[in-house]
PDB file of N, CA and C in Angstrom:
ATOM      1  N   MET A   1     -43.608  -7.337  65.124  1.00  0.00           N
ATOM      2  CA  MET A   1     -42.891  -6.198  64.915  1.00  0.00           C
ATOM      3  C   MET A   1     -42.994  -5.773  66.110  1.00  0.00           C
ATOM      4  N   LYS A   2     -42.168  -4.407  66.639  1.00  0.00           N
ATOM      5  CA  LYS A   2     -41.880  -3.768  67.581  1.00  0.00           C
ATOM      6  C   LYS A   2     -41.758  -2.529  67.423  1.00  0.00           C
ATOM      7  N   GLN A   3     -43.154  -1.797  67.336  1.00  0.00           N
ATOM      8  CA  GLN A   3     -42.640  -0.113  67.122  1.00  0.00           C
ATOM      9  C   GLN A   3     -41.855   0.638  68.294  1.00  0.00           C
ATOM     10  N   GLU A   4     -40.997   1.289  67.456  1.00  0.00           N
ATOM     11  CA  GLU A   4     -39.663   2.085  68.415  1.00  0.00           C
ATOM     12  C   GLU A   4     -40.264   3.032  68.176  1.00  0.00           C
ATOM     13  N   ASN A   5     -40.754   4.258  66.849  1.00  0.00           N
ATOM     14  CA  ASN A   5     -40.716   5.347  66.585  1.00  0.00           C
ATOM     15  C   ASN A   5     -42.039   5.254  65.626  1.00  0.00           C
ATOM     16  N   ARG A   6     -42.685   6.168  65.704  1.00  0.00           N
ATOM     17  CA  ARG A   6     -43.162   6.908  64.569  1.00  0.00           C
ATOM     18  C   ARG A   6     -43.339   8.523  64.891  1.00  0.00           C
ATOM     19  N   GLU A   7     -43.419   8.797  63.224  1.00  0.00           N
ATOM     20  CA  GLU A   7     -43.167  10.094  63.357  1.00  0.00           C
ATOM     21  C   GLU A   7     -43.524  10.377  62.145  1.00  0.00           C
ATOM     22  N   LEU A   8     -44.270  11.177  61.525  1.00  0.00           N
ATOM     23  CA  LEU A   8     -45.093  11.565  60.865  1.00  0.00           C
ATOM     24  C   LEU A   8     -44.423  12.970  60.298  1.00  0.00           C
ATOM     25  N   GLN A   9     -43.906  13.260  58.870  1.00  0.00           N
ATOM     26  CA  GLN A   9     -43.558  14.150  58.732  1.00  0.00           C
ATOM     27  C   GLN A   9     -44.569  15.550  58.129  1.00  0.00           C
ATOM     28  N   ASN A  10     -44.038  16.141  58.897  1.00  0.00           N
ATOM     29  CA  ASN A  10     -45.266  17.593  58.181  1.00  0.00           C
ATOM     30  C   ASN A  10     -45.281  18.019  57.037  1.00  0.00           C
ATOM     31  N   THR A  11     -44.090  18.034  56.260  1.00  0.00           N
ATOM     32  CA  THR A  11     -44.256  18.084  55.109  1.00  0.00           C
ATOM     33  C   THR A  11     -43.641  17.252  54.363  1.00  0.00           C
ATOM     34  N   GLU A  12     -44.469  17.401  52.974  1.00  0.00           N
ATOM     35  CA  GLU A  12     -44.529  16.153  51.765  1.00  0.00           C
ATOM     36  C   GLU A  12     -42.600  16.965  51.150  1.00  0.00           C
ATOM     37  N   SER A  13     -41.973  15.892  51.198  1.00  0.00           N
ATOM     38  CA  SER A  13     -40.855  15.839  50.321  1.00  0.00           C
ATOM     39  C   SER A  13     -40.593  15.167  49.276  1.00  0.00           C
ATOM     40  N   THR A  14     -40.117  15.466  47.990  1.00  0.00           N
ATOM     41  CA  THR A  14     -40.067  14.552  47.406  1.00  0.00           C
ATOM     42  C   THR A  14     -38.732  14.239  47.345  1.00  0.00           C
ATOM     43  N   VAL A  15     -38.552  12.667  46.939  1.00  0.00           N
ATOM     44  CA  VAL A  15     -37.331  12.544  46.704  1.00  0.00           C
ATOM     45  C   VAL A  15     -37.002  11.620  45.263  1.00  0.00           C
ATOM     46  N   VAL A  16     -35.830  11.544  44.919  1.00  0.00           N
ATOM     47  CA  VAL A  16     -35.856  10.879  43.602  1.00  0.00           C
ATOM     48  C   VAL A  16     -34.665   9.662  43.398  1.00  0.00           C
ATOM     49  N   PHE A  17     -35.235   8.440  43.395  1.00  0.00           N
ATOM     50  CA  PHE A  17     -34.272   7.479  43.471  1.00  0.00           C
ATOM     51  C   PHE A  17     -33.907   7.254  41.585  1.00  0.00           C
ATOM     52  N   GLU A  18     -32.405   6.500  41.834  1.00  0.00           N
ATOM     53  CA  GLU A  18     -31.709   6.037  40.756  1.00  0.00           C
ATOM     54  C   GLU A  18     -32.229   4.328  40.678  1.00  0.00           C
ATOM     55  N   ALA A  19     -32.751   3.473  39.937  1.00  0.00           N
ATOM     56  CA  ALA A  19     -33.260   2.289  40.036  1.00  0.00           C
ATOM     57  C   ALA A  19     -32.003   1.598  38.981  1.00  0.00           C
ATOM     58  N   GLU A  20     -31.492   0.632  39.472  1.00  0.00           N
ATOM     59  CA  GLU A  20     -30.870  -0.318  38.639  1.00  0.00           C
ATOM     60  C   GLU A  20     -30.620   0.093  37.463  1.00  0.00           C
ATOM     61  N   ASP A  21     -30.981   0.502  36.374  1.00  0.00           N
ATOM     62  CA  ASP A  21     -30.970   0.294  35.021  1.00  0.00           C
ATOM     63  C   ASP A  21     -30.772   2.021  34.863  1.00  0.00           C
ATOM     64  N   GLY A  22     -31.032   2.811  35.825  1.00  0.00           N
ATOM     65  CA  GLY A  22     -30.116   4.091  35.902  1.00  0.00           C
ATOM     66  C   GLY A  22     -31.388   5.175  35.608  1.00  0.00           C
ATOM     67  N   THR A  23     -32.722   4.834  35.338  1.00  0.00           N
ATOM     68  CA  THR A  23     -33.958   5.637  35.323  1.00  0.00           C
ATOM     69  C   THR A  23     -34.629   6.306  36.536  1.00  0.00           C
ATOM     70  N   LYS A  24     -34.261   7.309  36.450  1.00  0.00           N
ATOM     71  CA  LYS A  24     -35.039   8.127  37.631  1.00  0.00           C
ATOM     72  C   LYS A  24     -36.270   7.951  37.866  1.00  0.00           C
ATOM     73  N   VAL A  25     -36.572   7.835  39.603  1.00  0.00           N
ATOM     74  CA  VAL A  25     -38.112   7.802  39.770  1.00  0.00           C
ATOM     75  C   VAL A  25     -38.195   8.741  40.888  1.00  0.00           C
ATOM     76  N   SER A  26     -39.460   9.750  40.477  1.00  0.00           N
ATOM     77  CA  SER A  26     -39.438  10.724  41.762  1.00  0.00           C
ATOM     78  C   SER A  26     -40.720  10.090  42.396  1.00  0.00           C
ATOM     79  N   PHE A  27     -40.515  10.262  44.016  1.00  0.00           N
ATOM     80  CA  PHE A  27     -41.759   9.771  44.863  1.00  0.00           C
ATOM     81  C   PHE A  27     -41.895  11.023  46.037  1.00  0.00           C
ATOM     82  N   THR A  28     -42.875  11.570  46.266  1.00  0.00           N
ATOM     83  CA  THR A  28     -43.281  11.619  47.089  1.00  0.00           C
ATOM     84  C   THR A  28     -43.461  11.492  48.661  1.00  0.00           C
ATOM     85  N   VAL A  29     -42.632  11.631  49.674  1.00  0.00           N
ATOM     86  CA  VAL A  29     -42.185  10.985  50.976  1.00  0.00           C
ATOM     87  C   VAL A  29     -43.667  11.511  51.951  1.00  0.00           C
ATOM     88  N   VAL A  30     -44.627  10.507  52.194  1.00  0.00           N
ATOM     89  CA  VAL A  30     -45.634  10.737  53.126  1.00  0.00           C
ATOM     90  C   VAL A  30     -45.502  10.720  54.377  1.00  0.00           C
ATOM     91  N   ALA A  31     -44.737  10.208  54.508  1.00  0.00           N
ATOM     92  CA  ALA A  31     -44.693   9.698  56.260  1.00  0.00           C
ATOM     93  C   ALA A  31     -43.464   8.427  56.084  1.00  0.00           C
ATOM     94  N   SER A  32     -43.018   8.458  57.813  1.00  0.00           N
ATOM     95  CA  SER A  32     -42.194   7.463  57.886  1.00  0.00           C
ATOM     96  C   SER A  32     -42.115   7.252  59.244  1.00  0.00           C
ATOM     97  N   THR A  33     -41.288   6.041  59.504  1.00  0.00           N
ATOM     98  CA  THR A  33     -41.367   5.352  60.677  1.00  0.00           C
ATOM     99  C   THR A  33     -40.105   4.323  60.860  1.00  0.00           C
ATOM    100  N   SER A  34     -40.251   3.904  62.096  1.00  0.00           N
ATOM    101  CA  SER A  34     -38.963   3.208  62.564  1.00  0.00           C
ATOM    102  C   SER A  34     -39.219   2.077  63.285  1.00  0.00           C
ATOM    103  N   ARG A  35     -39.505   1.067  63.080  1.00  0.00           N
ATOM    104  CA  ARG A  35     -39.423  -0.343  63.653  1.00  0.00           C
ATOM    105  C   ARG A  35     -38.483  -1.478  63.404  1.00  0.00           C
ATOM    106  N   ASP A  36     -38.393  -1.868  64.560  1.00  0.00           N
ATOM    107  CA  ASP A  36     -37.447  -2.879  64.892  1.00  0.00           C
ATOM    108  C   ASP A  36     -36.337  -2.852  64.265  1.00  0.00           C
ATOM    109  N   GLY A  37     -35.446  -1.519  65.052  1.00  0.00           N
ATOM    110  CA  GLY A  37     -34.841  -0.568  64.271  1.00  0.00           C
ATOM    111  C   GLY A  37     -34.449  -0.511  62.398  1.00  0.00           C
ATOM    112  N   LYS A  38     -35.268  -0.792  61.761  1.00  0.00           N
ATOM    113  CA  LYS A  38     -34.978  -0.476  60.397  1.00  0.00           C
ATOM    114  C   LYS A  38     -36.369   1.250  60.311  1.00  0.00           C
ATOM    115  N   GLU A  39     -35.842   1.685  58.889  1.00  0.00           N
ATOM    116  CA  GLU A  39     -36.369   2.909  58.802  1.00  0.00           C
ATOM    117  C   GLU A  39     -37.281   2.576  57.723  1.00  0.00           C
ATOM    118  N   TYR A  40     -38.523   3.215  57.674  1.00  0.00           N
ATOM    119  CA  TYR A  40     -39.216   2.481  56.363  1.00  0.00           C
ATOM    120  C   TYR A  40     -40.270   4.331  56.122  1.00  0.00           C
ATOM    121  N   LEU A  41     -40.301   4.050  54.678  1.00  0.00           N
ATOM    122  CA  LEU A  41     -40.636   5.584  54.254  1.00  0.00           C
ATOM    123  C   LEU A  41     -42.263   4.676  53.493  1.00  0.00           C
ATOM    124  N   LEU A  42     -43.297   5.705  53.514  1.00  0.00           N
ATOM    125  CA  LEU A  42     -44.484   5.655  53.169  1.00  0.00           C
ATOM    126  C   LEU A  42     -44.595   6.606  52.046  1.00  0.00           C
ATOM    127  N   VAL A  43     -44.329   6.015  50.313  1.00  0.00           N
ATOM    128  CA  VAL A  43     -44.188   6.828  49.896  1.00  0.00           C
ATOM    129  C   VAL A  43     -45.605   6.849  48.337  1.00  0.00           C
ATOM    130  N   THR A  44     -45.695   8.159  47.517  1.00  0.00           N
ATOM    131  CA  THR A  44     -46.386   7.989  46.627  1.00  0.00           C
ATOM    132  C   THR A  44     -45.679   8.473  45.243  1.00  0.00           C
ATOM    133  N   GLU A  45     -46.362   7.935  44.083  1.00  0.00           N
ATOM    134  CA  GLU A  45     -45.193   8.413  42.996  1.00  0.00           C
ATOM    135  C   GLU A  45     -46.525   9.914  42.470  1.00  0.00           C
ATOM    136  N   PRO A  46     -45.696  11.172  42.069  1.00  0.00           N
ATOM    137  CA  PRO A  46     -47.120  12.148  41.934  1.00  0.00           C
ATOM    138  C   PRO A  46     -48.109  11.802  40.536  1.00  0.00           C
ATOM    139  N   GLY A  47     -49.480  12.193  41.280  1.00  0.00           N
ATOM    140  CA  GLY A  47     -50.305  11.561  40.202  1.00  0.00           C
ATOM    141  C   GLY A  47     -50.436  10.602  40.012  1.00  0.00           C
ATOM    142  N   ASP A  48     -50.522   9.391  41.413  1.00  0.00           N
ATOM    143  CA  ASP A  48     -50.789   8.383  41.606  1.00  0.00           C
ATOM    144  C   ASP A  48     -51.195   8.279  42.423  1.00  0.00           C
ATOM    145  N   ASP A  49     -52.553   7.270  42.580  1.00  0.00           N
ATOM    146  CA  ASP A  49     -53.103   7.121  44.173  1.00  0.00           C
ATOM    147  C   ASP A  49     -52.571   5.676  44.725  1.00  0.00           C
ATOM    148  N   MET A  50     -51.508   5.411  44.188  1.00  0.00           N
ATOM    149  CA  MET A  50     -50.909   3.587  44.908  1.00  0.00           C
ATOM    150  C   MET A  50     -49.853   4.673  45.639  1.00  0.00           C
ATOM    151  N   ALA A  51     -49.579   3.547  46.950  1.00  0.00           N
ATOM    152  CA  ALA A  51     -48.871   4.120  47.947  1.00  0.00           C
ATOM    153  C   ALA A  51     -47.511   3.107  47.631  1.00  0.00           C
ATOM    154  N   TYR A  52     -46.195   3.009  48.417  1.00  0.00           N
ATOM    155  CA  TYR A  52     -45.752   2.249  48.200  1.00  0.00           C
ATOM    156  C   TYR A  52     -44.412   2.401  49.434  1.00  0.00           C
ATOM    157  N   ILE A  53     -44.190   0.929  50.462  1.00  0.00           N
ATOM    158  CA  ILE A  53     -43.361   1.353  51.200  1.00  0.00           C
ATOM    159  C   ILE A  53     -42.074   0.472  51.032  1.00  0.00           C
ATOM    160  N   LEU A  54     -41.176   1.397  51.949  1.00  0.00           N
ATOM    161  CA  LEU A  54     -39.354   1.234  51.215  1.00  0.00           C
ATOM    162  C   LEU A  54     -38.876   1.111  52.292  1.00  0.00           C
ATOM    163  N   GLU A  55     -38.201   0.135  52.381  1.00  0.00           N
ATOM    164  CA  GLU A  55     -37.426   0.021  53.693  1.00  0.00           C
ATOM    165  C   GLU A  55     -35.581   0.010  53.533  1.00  0.00           C
ATOM    166  N   ALA A  56     -35.254   1.441  54.208  1.00  0.00           N
ATOM    167  CA  ALA A  56     -34.096   1.613  54.049  1.00  0.00           C
ATOM    168  C   ALA A  56     -33.094   0.490  54.295  1.00  0.00           C
ATOM    169  N   ASN A  57     -31.505   0.502  53.744  1.00  0.00           N
ATOM    170  CA  ASN A  57     -30.962  -0.089  54.244  1.00  0.00           C
ATOM    171  C   ASN A  57     -29.483   0.353  53.817  1.00  0.00           C
ATOM    172  N   GLY A  58     -28.888   0.616  54.916  1.00  0.00           N
ATOM    173  CA  GLY A  58     -27.694   1.240  55.246  1.00  0.00           C
ATOM    174  C   GLY A  58     -27.374   2.029  56.451  1.00  0.00           C
ATOM    175  N   SER A  59     -26.828   2.765  56.647  1.00  0.00           N
ATOM    176  CA  SER A  59     -26.649   3.877  57.393  1.00  0.00           C
ATOM    177  C   SER A  59     -26.126   5.432  57.241  1.00  0.00           C
ATOM    178  N   ALA A  60     -26.369   6.444  57.782  1.00  0.00           N
ATOM    179  CA  ALA A  60     -25.982   8.135  57.635  1.00  0.00           C
ATOM    180  C   ALA A  60     -24.320   7.727  57.035  1.00  0.00           C
ATOM    181  N   GLN A  61     -23.889   6.775  57.219  1.00  0.00           N
ATOM    182  CA  GLN A  61     -22.378   7.525  56.834  1.00  0.00           C
ATOM    183  C   GLN A  61     -21.845   6.396  55.649  1.00  0.00           C
ATOM    184  N   ASP A  62     -22.951   5.602  55.245  1.00  0.00           N
ATOM    185  CA  ASP A  62     -22.873   4.788  54.215  1.00  0.00           C
ATOM    186  C   ASP A  62     -23.609   5.186  53.319  1.00  0.00           C
ATOM    187  N   THR A  63     -24.081   4.708  51.869  1.00  0.00           N
ATOM    188  CA  THR A  63     -24.948   4.790  50.995  1.00  0.00           C
ATOM    189  C   THR A  63     -25.964   4.193  51.346  1.00  0.00           C
ATOM    190  N   ILE A  64     -27.279   4.491  51.393  1.00  0.00           N
ATOM    191  CA  ILE A  64     -28.616   4.212  52.140  1.00  0.00           C
ATOM    192  C   ILE A  64     -29.029   4.140  50.579  1.00  0.00           C
ATOM    193  N   THR A  65     -29.652   2.818  50.632  1.00  0.00           N
ATOM    194  CA  THR A  65     -30.135   2.356  49.499  1.00  0.00           C
ATOM    195  C   THR A  65     -32.083   1.449  50.333  1.00  0.00           C
ATOM    196  N   TYR A  66     -32.748   1.752  49.118  1.00  0.00           N
ATOM    197  CA  TYR A  66     -33.909   1.202  49.606  1.00  0.00           C
ATOM    198  C   TYR A  66     -34.667   0.342  48.577  1.00  0.00           C
ATOM    199  N   ARG A  67     -35.416  -0.239  49.206  1.00  0.00           N
ATOM    200  CA  ARG A  67     -35.697  -1.630  48.851  1.00  0.00           C
ATOM    201  C   ARG A  67     -37.417  -1.515  49.042  1.00  0.00           C
ATOM    202  N   MET A  68     -38.250  -1.859  47.978  1.00  0.00           N
ATOM    203  CA  MET A  68     -39.683  -1.810  47.810  1.00  0.00           C
ATOM    204  C   MET A  68     -39.986  -3.573  49.123  1.00  0.00           C
ATOM    205  N   VAL A  69     -41.045  -2.993  49.729  1.00  0.00           N
ATOM    206  CA  VAL A  69     -41.384  -4.398  51.052  1.00  0.00           C
ATOM    207  C   VAL A  69     -42.675  -4.731  50.130  1.00  0.00           C
ATOM    208  N   ASP A  70     -42.590  -6.410  49.338  1.00  0.00           N
ATOM    209  CA  ASP A  70     -43.132  -6.805  49.099  1.00  0.00           C
ATOM    210  C   ASP A  70     -43.791  -8.188  49.609  1.00  0.00           C
ATOM    211  N   ASP A  71     -42.988  -8.233  50.936  1.00  0.00           N
ATOM    212  CA  ASP A  71     -43.588  -9.499  51.695  1.00  0.00           C
ATOM    213  C   ASP A  71     -45.503  -9.128  51.689  1.00  0.00           C
ATOM    214  N   ASP A  72     -46.333  -9.839  51.934  1.00  0.00           N
ATOM    215  CA  ASP A  72     -47.320  -9.592  52.131  1.00  0.00           C
ATOM    216  C   ASP A  72     -48.072  -9.161  53.146  1.00  0.00           C
ATOM    217  N   ALA A  73     -46.908 -10.539  54.273  1.00  0.00           N
ATOM    218  CA  ALA A  73     -47.444 -10.221  56.043  1.00  0.00           C
ATOM    219  C   ALA A  73     -46.588  -8.748  56.268  1.00  0.00           C
ATOM    220  N   GLU A  74     -45.545  -8.606  55.980  1.00  0.00           N
ATOM    221  CA  GLU A  74     -44.823  -6.857  56.398  1.00  0.00           C
ATOM    222  C   GLU A  74     -46.009  -6.191  56.105  1.00  0.00           C
ATOM    223  N   LEU A  75     -46.371  -6.113  54.546  1.00  0.00           N
ATOM    224  CA  LEU A  75     -46.695  -4.720  53.843  1.00  0.00           C
ATOM    225  C   LEU A  75     -48.052  -4.781  54.854  1.00  0.00           C
ATOM    226  N   ARG A  76     -48.707  -5.530  55.371  1.00  0.00           N
ATOM    227  CA  ARG A  76     -50.121  -5.333  56.106  1.00  0.00           C
ATOM    228  C   ARG A  76     -49.722  -5.053  57.165  1.00  0.00           C
ATOM    229  N   GLU A  77     -48.678  -5.377  57.889  1.00  0.00           N
ATOM    230  CA  GLU A  77     -48.193  -4.853  59.167  1.00  0.00           C
ATOM    231  C   GLU A  77     -47.637  -3.282  59.330  1.00  0.00           C
ATOM    232  N   LEU A  78     -47.550  -2.919  58.730  1.00  0.00           N
ATOM    233  CA  LEU A  78     -46.429  -1.960  57.969  1.00  0.00           C
ATOM    234  C   LEU A  78     -47.475  -0.989  57.820  1.00  0.00           C
ATOM    235  N   GLY A  79     -48.329  -1.278  56.989  1.00  0.00           N
ATOM    236  CA  GLY A  79     -49.608  -0.308  56.741  1.00  0.00           C
ATOM    237  C   GLY A  79     -50.456   0.023  57.665  1.00  0.00           C
ATOM    238  N   GLU A  80     -50.828  -0.987  58.716  1.00  0.00           N
ATOM    239  CA  GLU A  80     -51.399  -1.149  60.059  1.00  0.00           C
ATOM    240  C   GLU A  80     -50.686   0.402  60.668  1.00  0.00           C
ATOM    241  N   ALA A  81     -49.304   0.358  60.307  1.00  0.00           N
ATOM    242  CA  ALA A  81     -48.457   1.295  61.319  1.00  0.00           C
ATOM    243  C   ALA A  81     -48.688   2.924  60.377  1.00  0.00           C
ATOM    244  N   PHE A  82     -48.560   2.641  59.113  1.00  0.00           N
ATOM    245  CA  PHE A  82     -48.868   3.885  58.474  1.00  0.00           C
ATOM    246  C   PHE A  82     -50.297   4.324  58.920  1.00  0.00           C
ATOM    247  N   ASP A  83     -50.855   3.568  58.882  1.00  0.00           N
ATOM    248  CA  ASP A  83     -52.652   4.082  59.011  1.00  0.00           C
ATOM    249  C   ASP A  83     -52.991   4.311  60.616  1.00  0.00           C
ATOM    250  N   ASP A  84     -52.545   4.077  61.580  1.00  0.00           N
ATOM    251  CA  ASP A  84     -52.294   4.856  62.950  1.00  0.00           C
ATOM    252  C   ASP A  84     -51.546   6.217  62.932  1.00  0.00           C
ATOM    253  N   ILE A  85     -50.466   6.201  61.933  1.00  0.00           N
ATOM    254  CA  ILE A  85     -50.135   7.881  62.026  1.00  0.00           C
ATOM    255  C   ILE A  85     -50.836   8.731  60.930  1.00  0.00           C
ATOM    256  N   LEU A  86     -51.563   8.301  59.905  1.00  0.00           N
ATOM    257  CA  LEU A  86     -52.346   8.964  59.289  1.00  0.00           C
ATOM    258  C   LEU A  86     -53.632   8.827  59.024  1.00  0.00           C
ATOM    259  N   GLU A  87     -53.945   9.322  60.127  1.00  0.00           N
ATOM    260  CA  GLU A  87     -55.541   9.018  60.581  1.00  0.00           C
ATOM    261  C   GLU A  87     -56.537   9.022  59.464  1.00  0.00           C
ATOM    262  N   ASP A  88     -56.306  10.227  59.238  1.00  0.00           N
ATOM    263  CA  ASP A  88     -57.743  10.497  57.577  1.00  0.00           C
ATOM    264  C   ASP A  88     -57.084  10.142  56.538  1.00  0.00           C
ATOM    265  N   VAL A  89     -56.693   9.089  56.484  1.00  0.00           N
ATOM    266  CA  VAL A  89     -56.239   7.833  55.385  1.00  0.00           C
ATOM    267  C   VAL A  89     -56.616   5.973  55.620  1.00  0.00           C
ATOM    268  N   ASP A  90     -57.187   5.954  54.337  1.00  0.00           N
ATOM    269  CA  ASP A  90     -57.590   4.536  54.639  1.00  0.00           C
ATOM    270  C   ASP A  90     -56.752   3.895  53.155  1.00  0.00           C
ATOM    271  N   PHE A  91     -56.011   2.392  53.863  1.00  0.00           N
ATOM    272  CA  PHE A  91     -55.696   1.682  53.011  1.00  0.00           C
ATOM    273  C   PHE A  91     -56.396   0.556  51.947  1.00  0.00           C
ATOM    274  N   GLU A  92     -55.922   0.256  51.291  1.00  0.00           N
ATOM    275  CA  GLU A  92     -56.846  -0.763  50.643  1.00  0.00           C
ATOM    276  C   GLU A  92     -54.974  -1.763  49.826  1.00  0.00           C
ATOM    277  N   TYR A  93     -55.154  -2.916  50.084  1.00  0.00           N
ATOM    278  CA  TYR A  93     -54.277  -3.535  49.642  1.00  0.00           C
ATOM    279  C   TYR A  93     -54.594  -4.754  48.516  1.00  0.00           C
ATOM    280  N   GLU A  94     -53.683  -4.414  47.662  1.00  0.00           N
ATOM    281  CA  GLU A  94     -53.632  -5.397  46.200  1.00  0.00           C
ATOM    282  C   GLU A  94     -52.962  -6.173  46.819  1.00  0.00           C
ATOM    283  N   GLU A  95     -53.966  -7.754  45.971  1.00  0.00           N
ATOM    284  CA  GLU A  95     -53.271  -8.742  46.282  1.00  0.00           C
ATOM    285  C   GLU A  95     -52.376  -9.231  44.707  1.00  0.00           C
TER     286      GLU A  95
END
């Protein structure tokens, strides 16, 4: 995967997603990056020490949808990218 851009959000923001069943879920955006033309968000749920990586699908003109990255190899590669961005954070992977 080619790293095109690394961007750390200086201020954490909260985003609310609506799941397919209509349930609303809040996430805190910790960082974002762009790789191979795709945008990714590193997010956490408030009060949870688990982090998730979301891939954006769509463009600014369209509705942007997000999917949880669940491929182990892709997670490790993106985790390493976010690890480089967030120097004071250590990632542990659950199998």
